[in-house]
N, C-alpha and C. Protein backbone atom coordinates (compact mmCIF):
# COMPACT_ATOMS: atom_id res chain seq x y z
N UNK A 1 103.75 -74.13 95.71
CA UNK A 1 104.83 -74.87 96.30
C UNK A 1 104.21 -76.04 97.08
N UNK A 2 104.89 -77.17 97.01
CA UNK A 2 104.38 -78.34 97.74
C UNK A 2 105.54 -79.03 98.42
N UNK A 3 105.24 -79.78 99.47
CA UNK A 3 106.27 -80.44 100.25
C UNK A 3 106.20 -81.94 99.96
N UNK A 4 107.34 -82.51 99.68
CA UNK A 4 107.41 -83.95 99.41
C UNK A 4 108.56 -84.47 100.25
N UNK A 5 108.30 -85.03 101.34
CA UNK A 5 109.34 -85.49 102.25
C UNK A 5 110.08 -84.29 102.83
N UNK A 6 111.42 -84.32 102.72
CA UNK A 6 112.24 -83.19 103.18
C UNK A 6 112.46 -82.16 102.08
N UNK A 7 112.07 -82.46 100.91
CA UNK A 7 112.30 -81.54 99.78
C UNK A 7 111.12 -80.63 99.61
N UNK A 8 111.44 -79.44 99.32
CA UNK A 8 110.39 -78.48 99.05
C UNK A 8 110.37 -78.31 97.54
N UNK A 9 109.24 -78.54 96.95
CA UNK A 9 109.13 -78.37 95.50
C UNK A 9 108.81 -76.93 95.21
N UNK A 10 109.53 -76.38 94.22
CA UNK A 10 109.35 -74.96 93.88
C UNK A 10 108.99 -74.86 92.43
N UNK A 11 108.43 -73.75 92.14
CA UNK A 11 108.06 -73.52 90.74
C UNK A 11 109.32 -73.28 89.92
N UNK A 12 109.25 -73.49 88.59
CA UNK A 12 110.45 -73.26 87.77
C UNK A 12 110.99 -71.83 87.89
N UNK A 13 110.17 -70.85 88.01
CA UNK A 13 110.62 -69.45 88.13
C UNK A 13 111.37 -69.27 89.45
N UNK A 14 110.88 -69.83 90.51
CA UNK A 14 111.52 -69.69 91.81
C UNK A 14 112.87 -70.39 91.80
N UNK A 15 112.93 -71.56 91.11
CA UNK A 15 114.20 -72.27 91.02
C UNK A 15 115.25 -71.45 90.28
N UNK A 16 114.89 -70.79 89.20
CA UNK A 16 115.84 -69.95 88.44
C UNK A 16 116.33 -68.82 89.31
N UNK A 17 115.44 -68.22 90.07
CA UNK A 17 115.82 -67.12 90.97
C UNK A 17 116.77 -67.63 92.04
N UNK A 18 116.47 -68.83 92.61
CA UNK A 18 117.34 -69.40 93.63
C UNK A 18 118.74 -69.71 93.05
N UNK A 19 118.77 -70.23 91.85
CA UNK A 19 120.05 -70.55 91.20
C UNK A 19 120.86 -69.28 90.92
N UNK A 20 120.17 -68.24 90.51
CA UNK A 20 120.85 -66.96 90.22
C UNK A 20 121.45 -66.39 91.49
N UNK A 21 120.69 -66.45 92.57
CA UNK A 21 121.19 -65.93 93.85
C UNK A 21 122.37 -66.76 94.32
N UNK A 22 122.24 -68.09 94.22
CA UNK A 22 123.33 -68.96 94.65
C UNK A 22 124.57 -68.75 93.79
N UNK A 23 124.38 -68.59 92.50
CA UNK A 23 125.52 -68.35 91.60
C UNK A 23 126.21 -67.04 91.93
N UNK A 24 125.44 -66.02 92.17
CA UNK A 24 126.02 -64.70 92.49
C UNK A 24 126.73 -64.73 93.83
N UNK A 25 126.19 -65.42 94.79
CA UNK A 25 126.78 -65.50 96.12
C UNK A 25 128.12 -66.23 96.09
N UNK A 26 128.30 -67.21 95.24
CA UNK A 26 129.56 -67.94 95.20
C UNK A 26 130.59 -67.26 94.32
N UNK A 27 130.17 -66.46 93.37
CA UNK A 27 131.15 -65.83 92.47
C UNK A 27 131.62 -64.47 92.94
N UNK A 28 130.99 -63.81 93.84
CA UNK A 28 131.35 -62.47 94.30
C UNK A 28 132.13 -62.59 95.59
N UNK A 29 133.40 -62.06 95.62
CA UNK A 29 134.17 -62.12 96.85
C UNK A 29 133.57 -61.21 97.91
N UNK A 30 133.83 -61.49 99.14
CA UNK A 30 133.29 -60.65 100.22
C UNK A 30 133.95 -59.27 100.21
N UNK A 31 133.31 -58.33 100.86
CA UNK A 31 133.80 -56.95 101.07
C UNK A 31 134.09 -56.23 99.77
N UNK A 32 133.20 -56.08 98.93
CA UNK A 32 133.37 -55.25 97.75
C UNK A 32 133.67 -56.01 96.51
N UNK A 33 134.16 -57.15 96.56
CA UNK A 33 134.34 -58.00 95.40
C UNK A 33 135.58 -57.69 94.60
N UNK A 34 135.67 -58.36 93.45
CA UNK A 34 136.84 -58.28 92.55
C UNK A 34 137.04 -56.88 91.99
N UNK A 35 135.97 -56.19 91.68
CA UNK A 35 136.08 -54.83 91.14
C UNK A 35 136.76 -53.90 92.15
N UNK A 36 136.46 -54.10 93.41
CA UNK A 36 137.08 -53.29 94.45
C UNK A 36 138.58 -53.56 94.56
N UNK A 37 138.95 -54.83 94.48
CA UNK A 37 140.37 -55.20 94.56
C UNK A 37 141.12 -54.64 93.37
N UNK A 38 140.56 -54.76 92.18
CA UNK A 38 141.19 -54.21 90.97
C UNK A 38 141.33 -52.69 91.08
N UNK A 39 140.31 -52.06 91.60
CA UNK A 39 140.34 -50.62 91.75
C UNK A 39 141.43 -50.20 92.74
N UNK A 40 141.62 -50.93 93.81
CA UNK A 40 142.65 -50.65 94.80
C UNK A 40 144.05 -50.83 94.19
N UNK A 41 144.26 -51.93 93.47
CA UNK A 41 145.55 -52.15 92.81
C UNK A 41 145.83 -51.05 91.80
N UNK A 42 144.83 -50.66 91.05
CA UNK A 42 144.98 -49.58 90.06
C UNK A 42 145.36 -48.27 90.75
N UNK A 43 144.72 -47.99 91.86
CA UNK A 43 145.02 -46.76 92.61
C UNK A 43 146.44 -46.77 93.15
N UNK A 44 146.88 -47.93 93.64
CA UNK A 44 148.25 -48.04 94.17
C UNK A 44 149.26 -47.85 93.04
N UNK A 45 149.02 -48.49 91.89
CA UNK A 45 149.92 -48.34 90.74
C UNK A 45 149.95 -46.89 90.25
N UNK A 46 148.79 -46.27 90.17
CA UNK A 46 148.73 -44.87 89.73
C UNK A 46 149.46 -43.97 90.71
N UNK A 47 149.30 -44.23 92.00
CA UNK A 47 150.00 -43.45 93.02
C UNK A 47 151.51 -43.60 92.91
N UNK A 48 151.95 -44.84 92.64
CA UNK A 48 153.39 -45.09 92.48
C UNK A 48 153.94 -44.36 91.25
N UNK A 49 153.18 -44.34 90.17
CA UNK A 49 153.60 -43.63 88.95
C UNK A 49 153.69 -42.14 89.21
N UNK A 50 152.69 -41.60 89.88
CA UNK A 50 152.69 -40.16 90.18
C UNK A 50 153.86 -39.81 91.10
N UNK A 51 154.10 -40.65 92.11
CA UNK A 51 155.22 -40.41 93.03
C UNK A 51 156.56 -40.48 92.29
N UNK A 52 156.71 -41.45 91.39
CA UNK A 52 157.94 -41.57 90.60
C UNK A 52 158.14 -40.35 89.71
N UNK A 53 157.07 -39.91 89.07
CA UNK A 53 157.16 -38.73 88.20
C UNK A 53 157.53 -37.49 89.01
N UNK A 54 156.93 -37.34 90.18
CA UNK A 54 157.26 -36.19 91.04
C UNK A 54 158.72 -36.26 91.48
N UNK A 55 159.20 -37.45 91.81
CA UNK A 55 160.61 -37.62 92.20
C UNK A 55 161.54 -37.25 91.06
N UNK A 56 161.16 -37.65 89.86
CA UNK A 56 161.96 -37.32 88.67
C UNK A 56 162.02 -35.81 88.46
N UNK A 57 160.88 -35.15 88.60
CA UNK A 57 160.85 -33.69 88.44
C UNK A 57 161.75 -33.02 89.49
N UNK A 58 161.66 -33.48 90.72
CA UNK A 58 162.49 -32.91 91.79
C UNK A 58 163.97 -33.16 91.50
N UNK A 59 164.30 -34.37 91.03
CA UNK A 59 165.70 -34.70 90.72
C UNK A 59 166.23 -33.85 89.58
N UNK A 60 165.44 -33.66 88.55
CA UNK A 60 165.86 -32.81 87.41
C UNK A 60 166.05 -31.37 87.88
N UNK A 61 165.14 -30.88 88.69
CA UNK A 61 165.26 -29.52 89.22
C UNK A 61 166.53 -29.38 90.06
N UNK A 62 166.81 -30.37 90.92
CA UNK A 62 168.01 -30.34 91.76
C UNK A 62 169.27 -30.39 90.91
N UNK A 63 169.26 -31.20 89.87
CA UNK A 63 170.41 -31.29 88.97
C UNK A 63 170.66 -29.96 88.26
N UNK A 64 169.61 -29.33 87.80
CA UNK A 64 169.76 -28.03 87.14
C UNK A 64 170.30 -26.98 88.10
N UNK A 65 169.82 -26.99 89.33
CA UNK A 65 170.31 -26.04 90.34
C UNK A 65 171.78 -26.30 90.65
N UNK A 66 172.15 -27.57 90.77
CA UNK A 66 173.54 -27.92 91.05
C UNK A 66 174.44 -27.50 89.88
N UNK A 67 173.98 -27.72 88.67
CA UNK A 67 174.74 -27.32 87.48
C UNK A 67 174.92 -25.81 87.44
N UNK A 68 173.87 -25.08 87.74
CA UNK A 68 173.95 -23.62 87.77
C UNK A 68 174.92 -23.17 88.86
N UNK A 69 174.84 -23.79 90.03
CA UNK A 69 175.74 -23.43 91.13
C UNK A 69 177.19 -23.71 90.76
N UNK A 70 177.44 -24.83 90.07
CA UNK A 70 178.80 -25.17 89.65
C UNK A 70 179.32 -24.15 88.63
N UNK A 71 178.48 -23.78 87.68
CA UNK A 71 178.90 -22.79 86.68
C UNK A 71 179.17 -21.44 87.33
N UNK A 72 178.35 -21.09 88.28
CA UNK A 72 178.55 -19.81 88.97
C UNK A 72 179.84 -19.82 89.79
N UNK A 73 180.09 -20.93 90.47
CA UNK A 73 181.33 -21.06 91.26
C UNK A 73 182.55 -21.01 90.35
N UNK A 74 182.46 -21.64 89.18
CA UNK A 74 183.57 -21.61 88.23
C UNK A 74 183.80 -20.18 87.72
N UNK A 75 182.73 -19.49 87.42
CA UNK A 75 182.86 -18.10 86.97
C UNK A 75 183.50 -17.23 88.05
N UNK A 76 183.11 -17.45 89.29
CA UNK A 76 183.71 -16.70 90.40
C UNK A 76 185.18 -17.04 90.56
N UNK A 77 185.53 -18.31 90.41
CA UNK A 77 186.94 -18.72 90.53
C UNK A 77 187.77 -18.08 89.42
N UNK A 78 187.24 -18.04 88.20
CA UNK A 78 187.96 -17.40 87.10
C UNK A 78 188.14 -15.92 87.36
N UNK A 79 187.09 -15.30 87.83
CA UNK A 79 187.16 -13.86 88.12
C UNK A 79 188.18 -13.60 89.22
N UNK A 80 188.14 -14.40 90.27
CA UNK A 80 189.10 -14.22 91.38
C UNK A 80 190.53 -14.46 90.92
N UNK A 81 190.75 -15.49 90.09
CA UNK A 81 192.10 -15.74 89.58
C UNK A 81 192.57 -14.54 88.77
N UNK A 82 191.72 -14.04 87.89
CA UNK A 82 192.08 -12.89 87.07
C UNK A 82 192.41 -11.68 87.95
N UNK A 83 191.53 -11.38 88.89
CA UNK A 83 191.74 -10.20 89.73
C UNK A 83 192.98 -10.32 90.61
N UNK A 84 193.25 -11.51 91.10
CA UNK A 84 194.45 -11.72 91.92
C UNK A 84 195.71 -11.46 91.10
N UNK A 85 195.79 -12.07 89.90
CA UNK A 85 196.94 -11.85 89.04
C UNK A 85 197.03 -10.39 88.61
N UNK A 86 195.90 -9.81 88.30
CA UNK A 86 195.89 -8.41 87.82
C UNK A 86 196.37 -7.46 88.92
N UNK A 87 195.94 -7.70 90.13
CA UNK A 87 196.36 -6.85 91.24
C UNK A 87 197.86 -6.98 91.48
N UNK A 88 198.37 -8.21 91.45
CA UNK A 88 199.82 -8.41 91.60
C UNK A 88 200.57 -7.72 90.47
N UNK A 89 200.07 -7.86 89.24
CA UNK A 89 200.72 -7.24 88.10
C UNK A 89 200.81 -5.72 88.28
N UNK A 90 199.72 -5.11 88.70
CA UNK A 90 199.71 -3.66 88.87
C UNK A 90 200.71 -3.21 89.92
N UNK A 91 200.82 -3.95 91.01
CA UNK A 91 201.80 -3.59 92.05
C UNK A 91 203.22 -3.76 91.52
N UNK A 92 203.46 -4.84 90.79
CA UNK A 92 204.81 -5.10 90.27
C UNK A 92 205.17 -4.08 89.19
N UNK A 93 204.23 -3.78 88.32
CA UNK A 93 204.51 -2.82 87.24
C UNK A 93 204.82 -1.44 87.81
N UNK A 94 204.10 -1.08 88.85
CA UNK A 94 204.35 0.22 89.50
C UNK A 94 205.77 0.30 90.03
N UNK A 95 206.35 -0.84 90.44
CA UNK A 95 207.69 -0.87 91.03
C UNK A 95 208.80 -1.18 90.03
N UNK A 96 208.45 -1.31 88.73
CA UNK A 96 209.51 -1.55 87.74
C UNK A 96 210.46 -0.36 87.70
N UNK A 97 211.72 -0.62 87.37
CA UNK A 97 212.68 0.49 87.30
C UNK A 97 212.25 1.50 86.22
N UNK A 98 212.60 2.75 86.39
CA UNK A 98 212.18 3.79 85.44
C UNK A 98 212.60 3.50 83.99
N UNK A 99 213.70 2.80 83.79
CA UNK A 99 214.19 2.56 82.43
C UNK A 99 213.72 1.22 81.84
N UNK A 100 212.69 0.62 82.41
CA UNK A 100 212.27 -0.72 82.00
C UNK A 100 211.88 -0.80 80.53
N UNK A 101 211.50 0.32 79.94
CA UNK A 101 211.14 0.29 78.51
C UNK A 101 212.12 1.07 77.63
N UNK A 102 213.31 1.35 78.16
CA UNK A 102 214.38 2.01 77.40
C UNK A 102 215.16 0.93 76.65
N UNK A 103 215.03 0.91 75.34
CA UNK A 103 215.64 -0.15 74.52
C UNK A 103 217.17 -0.19 74.61
N UNK A 104 217.80 0.90 74.97
CA UNK A 104 219.26 0.94 75.04
C UNK A 104 219.79 0.43 76.39
N UNK A 105 218.94 0.36 77.38
CA UNK A 105 219.37 0.01 78.73
C UNK A 105 219.17 -1.48 79.00
N UNK A 106 220.13 -2.12 79.64
CA UNK A 106 220.00 -3.49 80.12
C UNK A 106 220.41 -3.52 81.58
N UNK A 107 219.56 -4.08 82.46
CA UNK A 107 219.88 -4.06 83.89
C UNK A 107 221.04 -5.00 84.23
N UNK A 108 221.74 -4.65 85.28
CA UNK A 108 222.85 -5.48 85.77
C UNK A 108 222.30 -6.54 86.74
N UNK A 109 222.77 -7.77 86.63
CA UNK A 109 222.34 -8.80 87.58
C UNK A 109 222.66 -8.40 89.02
N UNK A 110 221.91 -8.93 89.93
CA UNK A 110 222.08 -8.71 91.37
C UNK A 110 221.92 -7.26 91.78
N UNK A 111 221.11 -6.53 91.05
CA UNK A 111 220.79 -5.14 91.44
C UNK A 111 219.30 -5.09 91.79
N UNK A 112 218.91 -3.99 92.41
CA UNK A 112 217.50 -3.80 92.74
C UNK A 112 216.66 -3.75 91.46
N UNK A 113 217.19 -3.12 90.43
CA UNK A 113 216.45 -3.03 89.16
C UNK A 113 216.22 -4.42 88.58
N UNK A 114 217.27 -5.26 88.63
CA UNK A 114 217.15 -6.63 88.13
C UNK A 114 216.07 -7.39 88.91
N UNK A 115 216.10 -7.28 90.24
CA UNK A 115 215.16 -8.01 91.08
C UNK A 115 213.72 -7.57 90.80
N UNK A 116 213.51 -6.32 90.51
CA UNK A 116 212.15 -5.85 90.20
C UNK A 116 211.65 -6.45 88.89
N UNK A 117 212.52 -6.54 87.91
CA UNK A 117 212.13 -7.14 86.63
C UNK A 117 211.98 -8.66 86.79
N UNK A 118 212.83 -9.25 87.61
CA UNK A 118 212.73 -10.68 87.90
C UNK A 118 211.36 -11.00 88.52
N UNK A 119 210.92 -10.16 89.43
CA UNK A 119 209.62 -10.33 90.05
C UNK A 119 208.50 -10.25 89.00
N UNK A 120 208.67 -9.36 88.03
CA UNK A 120 207.71 -9.24 86.93
C UNK A 120 207.58 -10.58 86.20
N UNK A 121 208.71 -11.22 85.89
CA UNK A 121 208.67 -12.48 85.13
C UNK A 121 208.20 -13.65 85.99
N UNK A 122 208.46 -13.61 87.27
CA UNK A 122 207.92 -14.65 88.14
C UNK A 122 206.39 -14.57 88.16
N UNK A 123 205.87 -13.36 88.19
CA UNK A 123 204.42 -13.17 88.13
C UNK A 123 203.87 -13.61 86.76
N UNK A 124 204.59 -13.27 85.70
CA UNK A 124 204.15 -13.68 84.36
C UNK A 124 204.13 -15.20 84.24
N UNK A 125 205.12 -15.86 84.85
CA UNK A 125 205.13 -17.32 84.87
C UNK A 125 203.88 -17.84 85.57
N UNK A 126 203.54 -17.26 86.71
CA UNK A 126 202.33 -17.68 87.44
C UNK A 126 201.07 -17.46 86.59
N UNK A 127 201.03 -16.33 85.88
CA UNK A 127 199.88 -16.04 85.02
C UNK A 127 199.71 -17.10 83.92
N UNK A 128 200.82 -17.70 83.51
CA UNK A 128 200.76 -18.78 82.53
C UNK A 128 200.54 -20.14 83.21
N UNK A 129 201.31 -20.41 84.26
CA UNK A 129 201.32 -21.73 84.88
C UNK A 129 199.98 -22.12 85.50
N UNK A 130 199.38 -21.24 86.26
CA UNK A 130 198.13 -21.58 86.95
C UNK A 130 197.02 -21.92 85.96
N UNK A 131 196.77 -21.06 84.95
CA UNK A 131 195.69 -21.42 84.01
C UNK A 131 196.04 -22.51 83.00
N UNK A 132 197.31 -22.67 82.66
CA UNK A 132 197.66 -23.59 81.58
C UNK A 132 198.20 -24.94 82.06
N UNK A 133 198.68 -25.03 83.28
CA UNK A 133 199.21 -26.30 83.76
C UNK A 133 198.52 -26.76 85.05
N UNK A 134 198.31 -25.87 85.96
CA UNK A 134 197.75 -26.26 87.25
C UNK A 134 196.25 -26.52 87.17
N UNK A 135 195.53 -25.71 86.39
CA UNK A 135 194.07 -25.83 86.33
C UNK A 135 193.56 -25.50 84.93
N UNK A 136 194.13 -26.16 83.94
CA UNK A 136 193.82 -25.85 82.54
C UNK A 136 192.34 -26.05 82.21
N UNK A 137 191.74 -27.09 82.74
CA UNK A 137 190.35 -27.40 82.41
C UNK A 137 189.41 -26.23 82.70
N UNK A 138 189.69 -25.51 83.76
CA UNK A 138 188.77 -24.45 84.18
C UNK A 138 189.28 -23.03 83.93
N UNK A 139 190.59 -22.86 83.82
CA UNK A 139 191.12 -21.49 83.77
C UNK A 139 191.86 -21.15 82.47
N UNK A 140 191.90 -22.04 81.51
CA UNK A 140 192.66 -21.79 80.29
C UNK A 140 192.27 -20.48 79.63
N UNK A 141 190.99 -20.16 79.62
CA UNK A 141 190.58 -18.93 78.95
C UNK A 141 191.04 -17.68 79.68
N UNK A 142 191.37 -17.78 80.98
CA UNK A 142 191.94 -16.62 81.68
C UNK A 142 193.27 -16.24 81.04
N UNK A 143 194.07 -17.24 80.68
CA UNK A 143 195.33 -17.00 79.98
C UNK A 143 195.07 -16.50 78.56
N UNK A 144 194.23 -17.23 77.84
CA UNK A 144 194.04 -16.94 76.42
C UNK A 144 193.32 -15.62 76.15
N UNK A 145 192.42 -15.23 77.02
CA UNK A 145 191.66 -14.00 76.79
C UNK A 145 192.40 -12.74 77.22
N UNK A 146 193.35 -12.87 78.14
CA UNK A 146 193.99 -11.64 78.62
C UNK A 146 195.49 -11.75 78.81
N UNK A 147 195.93 -12.65 79.68
CA UNK A 147 197.34 -12.63 80.09
C UNK A 147 198.29 -12.97 78.95
N UNK A 148 197.87 -13.80 78.04
CA UNK A 148 198.73 -14.15 76.91
C UNK A 148 199.13 -12.88 76.14
N UNK A 149 198.18 -11.99 75.89
CA UNK A 149 198.50 -10.78 75.13
C UNK A 149 199.31 -9.78 75.95
N UNK A 150 199.10 -9.73 77.27
CA UNK A 150 199.90 -8.79 78.07
C UNK A 150 201.35 -9.26 78.18
N UNK A 151 201.55 -10.59 78.30
CA UNK A 151 202.91 -11.11 78.33
C UNK A 151 203.58 -10.88 76.98
N UNK A 152 202.83 -11.06 75.90
CA UNK A 152 203.38 -10.81 74.55
C UNK A 152 203.81 -9.36 74.41
N UNK A 153 203.02 -8.44 74.93
CA UNK A 153 203.39 -7.02 74.81
C UNK A 153 204.62 -6.69 75.65
N UNK A 154 204.82 -7.40 76.77
CA UNK A 154 206.01 -7.16 77.60
C UNK A 154 207.28 -7.56 76.85
N UNK A 155 207.17 -8.54 75.98
CA UNK A 155 208.35 -9.03 75.25
C UNK A 155 208.89 -8.00 74.26
N UNK A 156 208.13 -7.00 73.93
CA UNK A 156 208.62 -5.94 73.04
C UNK A 156 209.60 -5.01 73.75
N UNK A 157 209.66 -5.13 75.08
CA UNK A 157 210.59 -4.32 75.86
C UNK A 157 211.89 -5.10 76.05
N UNK A 158 212.94 -4.61 75.42
CA UNK A 158 214.23 -5.30 75.42
C UNK A 158 214.76 -5.57 76.83
N UNK A 159 214.71 -4.62 77.77
CA UNK A 159 215.21 -4.91 79.13
C UNK A 159 214.42 -6.04 79.82
N UNK A 160 213.12 -6.07 79.61
CA UNK A 160 212.32 -7.13 80.21
C UNK A 160 212.66 -8.49 79.59
N UNK A 161 212.79 -8.49 78.29
CA UNK A 161 213.12 -9.73 77.57
C UNK A 161 214.51 -10.23 77.97
N UNK A 162 215.44 -9.30 78.17
CA UNK A 162 216.81 -9.64 78.58
C UNK A 162 216.81 -10.39 79.91
N UNK A 163 216.04 -9.90 80.87
CA UNK A 163 215.96 -10.57 82.17
C UNK A 163 215.24 -11.92 82.03
N UNK A 164 214.19 -11.98 81.22
CA UNK A 164 213.48 -13.25 81.00
C UNK A 164 214.42 -14.31 80.45
N UNK A 165 215.27 -13.90 79.51
CA UNK A 165 216.23 -14.85 78.92
C UNK A 165 217.19 -15.39 79.98
N UNK A 166 217.71 -14.49 80.80
CA UNK A 166 218.65 -14.92 81.84
C UNK A 166 217.98 -15.79 82.90
N UNK A 167 216.76 -15.48 83.23
CA UNK A 167 216.04 -16.33 84.19
C UNK A 167 215.85 -17.73 83.63
N UNK A 168 215.58 -17.80 82.34
CA UNK A 168 215.44 -19.10 81.69
C UNK A 168 216.76 -19.88 81.74
N UNK A 169 217.85 -19.22 81.40
CA UNK A 169 219.15 -19.91 81.38
C UNK A 169 219.61 -20.31 82.78
N UNK A 170 219.13 -19.62 83.80
CA UNK A 170 219.49 -19.94 85.18
C UNK A 170 218.54 -20.96 85.81
N UNK A 171 217.53 -21.40 85.07
CA UNK A 171 216.60 -22.41 85.58
C UNK A 171 215.57 -21.88 86.56
N UNK A 172 215.26 -20.60 86.48
CA UNK A 172 214.33 -19.96 87.41
C UNK A 172 212.93 -20.58 87.38
N UNK A 173 212.54 -21.14 86.27
CA UNK A 173 211.17 -21.63 86.13
C UNK A 173 211.07 -23.15 86.32
N UNK A 174 212.08 -23.73 86.97
CA UNK A 174 212.06 -25.14 87.33
C UNK A 174 211.92 -26.05 86.12
N UNK A 175 211.19 -27.14 86.33
CA UNK A 175 211.06 -28.11 85.24
C UNK A 175 210.21 -27.59 84.09
N UNK A 176 209.59 -26.44 84.26
CA UNK A 176 208.79 -25.84 83.20
C UNK A 176 209.55 -24.76 82.44
N UNK A 177 210.86 -24.60 82.72
CA UNK A 177 211.61 -23.51 82.09
C UNK A 177 211.62 -23.62 80.57
N UNK A 178 211.85 -24.79 80.02
CA UNK A 178 211.90 -24.93 78.56
C UNK A 178 210.52 -24.66 77.96
N UNK A 179 209.48 -25.18 78.62
CA UNK A 179 208.13 -24.98 78.10
C UNK A 179 207.72 -23.51 78.16
N UNK A 180 208.05 -22.85 79.28
CA UNK A 180 207.71 -21.43 79.40
C UNK A 180 208.51 -20.60 78.40
N UNK A 181 209.78 -20.91 78.21
CA UNK A 181 210.58 -20.19 77.22
C UNK A 181 210.00 -20.38 75.82
N UNK A 182 209.51 -21.58 75.54
CA UNK A 182 208.89 -21.85 74.24
C UNK A 182 207.63 -21.00 74.06
N UNK A 183 206.84 -20.88 75.12
CA UNK A 183 205.64 -20.03 75.07
C UNK A 183 206.04 -18.58 74.79
N UNK A 184 207.07 -18.10 75.51
CA UNK A 184 207.51 -16.72 75.32
C UNK A 184 208.04 -16.49 73.89
N UNK A 185 208.81 -17.44 73.39
CA UNK A 185 209.35 -17.28 72.03
C UNK A 185 208.24 -17.36 70.98
N UNK A 186 207.25 -18.15 71.24
CA UNK A 186 206.10 -18.21 70.33
C UNK A 186 205.37 -16.87 70.32
N UNK A 187 205.20 -16.28 71.50
CA UNK A 187 204.53 -14.97 71.58
C UNK A 187 205.38 -13.87 70.94
N UNK A 188 206.69 -13.93 71.14
CA UNK A 188 207.63 -12.93 70.61
C UNK A 188 207.91 -13.17 69.13
N UNK A 189 207.78 -14.41 68.70
CA UNK A 189 208.02 -14.85 67.31
C UNK A 189 209.50 -14.77 66.92
N UNK A 190 210.35 -14.76 67.92
CA UNK A 190 211.80 -14.75 67.74
C UNK A 190 212.42 -15.46 68.95
N UNK A 191 213.67 -15.88 68.86
CA UNK A 191 214.35 -16.36 70.07
C UNK A 191 214.45 -15.21 71.08
N UNK A 192 214.33 -15.54 72.35
CA UNK A 192 214.35 -14.48 73.39
C UNK A 192 215.64 -13.66 73.36
N UNK A 193 216.77 -14.29 73.01
CA UNK A 193 218.05 -13.59 73.04
C UNK A 193 218.45 -13.10 71.64
N UNK A 194 217.49 -12.81 70.79
CA UNK A 194 217.81 -12.47 69.40
C UNK A 194 218.49 -11.11 69.23
N UNK A 195 218.43 -10.21 70.23
CA UNK A 195 219.02 -8.88 70.02
C UNK A 195 219.90 -8.43 71.19
N UNK A 196 220.50 -9.36 71.89
CA UNK A 196 221.49 -8.98 72.93
C UNK A 196 222.49 -10.11 73.10
């Protein structure tokens, strides 16, 4: 190495080394450099993906639990509706007049016997109305699986059918009287008043 004025002359090898060091010093960012920054961004993105996936798993699990809870609540509601109607039916049937299935007997209006059979048909209307009109979406099968056939079997009893016909003609079933009578006639497969 030799000195010429303010310049220091260096050998060609030393100059290449100096240029390499200077080049590296200007191209590498401070504190870890570009590789470190890329690695940090990659870690943040990966963490966000993992967090999103975990959130999705939790959301799917919560949705499945909510769906199960809804199905269970619906099953309980159907069971409760069935048991409520069934319990009322059993109490009403126990109180029917002794001749309720005597084909030759027809009850007189405004008697205790008439009122007991009337109560039977009011309950039968409820057994149809609640599952088929009030809450058809959830309770229709309560009617179709059980009550429909029990109401159909009641229609084979002439005294019961006689009272049902009169309740229909008196408007006992409100704005649903024609529809309920149609249901009963469909189950009976004859007009309600076909034999009296």
